[in-house]
Amino acid sequence: MTKRNGRKPGRPPAGVNGQRVRDYPQVSIRVPPKLYAQLEMLAQQTGMTRLELFASAITCLEDTLDPARRRRPRYVRSTTV
């Protein structure tokens, strides 16, 4: 008889607020080895995922922009149906 601990099999959702990362649009970038090592070091030191680090960096950059450049686009294309 197997022991049940109430968890679903497989990996837990790793996205923001427990969302499935599989549902996110993908972005692929190439970075130099030094930048990649820096990203990994920050992830280990802070306990944040690379996704969280990128989101935080983008928010920080956006907050430093002057108001004229900070405007949000009126229309953002959605990949979901």
C-alpha atoms as a PDB file:
ATOM      1  CA  MET A   1       0.000   0.000   0.000  1.00  0.00           C
ATOM      2  CA  THR A   2       1.426   3.394  -0.971  1.00  0.00           C
ATOM      3  CA  LYS A   3       1.549   6.323   1.344  1.00  0.00           C
ATOM      4  CA  ARG A   4      -0.333   9.445   0.184  1.00  0.00           C
ATOM      5  CA  ASN A   5       0.784  12.825   1.411  1.00  0.00           C
ATOM      6  CA  GLY A   6      -1.805  14.973  -0.391  1.00  0.00           C
ATOM      7  CA  ARG A   7       0.584  16.366  -3.007  1.00  0.00           C
ATOM      8  CA  LYS A   8       0.158  16.030  -6.730  1.00  0.00           C
ATOM      9  CA  PRO A   9       2.904  14.155  -8.571  1.00  0.00           C
ATOM     10  CA  GLY A  10       5.479  16.172 -10.507  1.00  0.00           C
ATOM     11  CA  ARG A  11       7.085  19.527 -10.039  1.00  0.00           C
ATOM     12  CA  PRO A  12       5.149  22.322  -8.326  1.00  0.00           C
ATOM     13  CA  PRO A  13       4.274  25.434 -10.358  1.00  0.00           C
ATOM     14  CA  ALA A  14       7.279  27.796 -10.423  1.00  0.00           C
ATOM     15  CA  GLY A  15       5.717  30.931 -11.870  1.00  0.00           C
ATOM     16  CA  VAL A  16       4.593  34.146 -10.252  1.00  0.00           C
ATOM     17  CA  ASN A  17       1.857  33.476  -7.672  1.00  0.00           C
ATOM     18  CA  GLY A  18       2.064  29.733  -8.333  1.00  0.00           C
ATOM     19  CA  GLN A  19       1.117  29.978 -12.007  1.00  0.00           C
ATOM     20  CA  ARG A  20       2.267  27.355 -14.469  1.00  0.00           C
ATOM     21  CA  VAL A  21       5.397  28.541 -16.254  1.00  0.00           C
ATOM     22  CA  ARG A  22       4.368  26.459 -19.257  1.00  0.00           C
ATOM     23  CA  ASP A  23       1.608  29.008 -19.946  1.00  0.00           C
ATOM     24  CA  TYR A  24       4.033  31.952 -20.154  1.00  0.00           C
ATOM     25  CA  PRO A  25       5.240  33.282 -23.506  1.00  0.00           C
ATOM     26  CA  GLN A  26       8.893  32.424 -24.076  1.00  0.00           C
ATOM     27  CA  VAL A  27      11.774  34.829 -24.546  1.00  0.00           C
ATOM     28  CA  SER A  28      15.223  33.626 -25.461  1.00  0.00           C
ATOM     29  CA  ILE A  29      18.342  35.761 -25.135  1.00  0.00           C
ATOM     30  CA  ARG A  30      22.034  35.051 -25.416  1.00  0.00           C
ATOM     31  CA  VAL A  31      24.245  36.512 -22.728  1.00  0.00           C
ATOM     32  CA  PRO A  32      28.002  36.508 -22.248  1.00  0.00           C
ATOM     33  CA  PRO A  33      29.359  33.934 -19.773  1.00  0.00           C
ATOM     34  CA  LYS A  34      30.261  36.650 -17.243  1.00  0.00           C
ATOM     35  CA  LEU A  35      26.686  37.988 -17.173  1.00  0.00           C
ATOM     36  CA  TYR A  36      25.260  34.474 -16.895  1.00  0.00           C
ATOM     37  CA  ALA A  37      27.570  33.729 -13.947  1.00  0.00           C
ATOM     38  CA  GLN A  38      26.461  36.978 -12.318  1.00  0.00           C
ATOM     39  CA  LEU A  39      22.808  36.036 -12.804  1.00  0.00           C
ATOM     40  CA  GLU A  40      23.358  32.597 -11.274  1.00  0.00           C
ATOM     41  CA  MET A  41      25.264  34.106  -8.331  1.00  0.00           C
ATOM     42  CA  LEU A  42      22.425  36.576  -7.684  1.00  0.00           C
ATOM     43  CA  ALA A  43      19.869  33.767  -7.866  1.00  0.00           C
ATOM     44  CA  GLN A  44      21.799  31.719  -5.300  1.00  0.00           C
ATOM     45  CA  GLN A  45      22.450  34.657  -2.964  1.00  0.00           C
ATOM     46  CA  THR A  46      18.899  36.018  -3.018  1.00  0.00           C
ATOM     47  CA  GLY A  47      16.992  32.753  -3.341  1.00  0.00           C
ATOM     48  CA  MET A  48      15.062  34.292  -6.241  1.00  0.00           C
ATOM     49  CA  THR A  49      14.522  32.537  -9.545  1.00  0.00           C
ATOM     50  CA  ARG A  50      15.948  33.937 -12.779  1.00  0.00           C
ATOM     51  CA  LEU A  51      12.413  34.892 -13.768  1.00  0.00           C
ATOM     52  CA  GLU A  52      11.976  36.880 -10.554  1.00  0.00           C
ATOM     53  CA  LEU A  53      15.341  38.578 -11.058  1.00  0.00           C
ATOM     54  CA  PHE A  54      14.474  39.605 -14.622  1.00  0.00           C
ATOM     55  CA  ALA A  55      11.045  40.882 -13.562  1.00  0.00           C
ATOM     56  CA  SER A  56      12.581  42.855 -10.701  1.00  0.00           C
ATOM     57  CA  ALA A  57      15.263  44.361 -12.950  1.00  0.00           C
ATOM     58  CA  ILE A  58      12.699  45.408 -15.564  1.00  0.00           C
ATOM     59  CA  THR A  59      10.457  46.982 -12.914  1.00  0.00           C
ATOM     60  CA  CYS A  60      13.446  48.814 -11.436  1.00  0.00           C
ATOM     61  CA  LEU A  61      14.450  50.155 -14.863  1.00  0.00           C
ATOM     62  CA  GLU A  62      10.901  51.199 -15.614  1.00  0.00           C
ATOM     63  CA  ASP A  63      10.683  53.089 -12.308  1.00  0.00           C
ATOM     64  CA  THR A  64      13.791  55.115 -13.177  1.00  0.00           C
ATOM     65  CA  LEU A  65      12.480  56.269 -16.565  1.00  0.00           C
ATOM     66  CA  ASP A  66      11.111  59.768 -16.916  1.00  0.00           C
ATOM     67  CA  PRO A  67       7.284  59.918 -17.105  1.00  0.00           C
ATOM     68  CA  ALA A  68       7.195  60.556 -20.864  1.00  0.00           C
ATOM     69  CA  ARG A  69       8.996  57.275 -21.563  1.00  0.00           C
ATOM     70  CA  ARG A  70       7.197  55.319 -18.830  1.00  0.00           C
ATOM     71  CA  ARG A  71       3.818  55.242 -20.575  1.00  0.00           C
ATOM     72  CA  ARG A  72       2.335  51.806 -20.916  1.00  0.00           C
ATOM     73  CA  PRO A  73       1.217  50.676 -24.371  1.00  0.00           C
ATOM     74  CA  ARG A  74      -2.542  50.782 -24.838  1.00  0.00           C
ATOM     75  CA  TYR A  75      -2.609  47.409 -26.542  1.00  0.00           C
ATOM     76  CA  VAL A  76      -0.584  44.363 -25.596  1.00  0.00           C
ATOM     77  CA  ARG A  77      -0.930  41.387 -27.904  1.00  0.00           C
ATOM     78  CA  SER A  78      -2.107  38.313 -26.078  1.00  0.00           C
ATOM     79  CA  THR A  79      -1.057  34.817 -27.081  1.00  0.00           C
ATOM     80  CA  THR A  80      -3.944  33.190 -25.234  1.00  0.00           C
ATOM     81  CA  VAL A  81      -7.288  32.540 -26.874  1.00  0.00           C
END
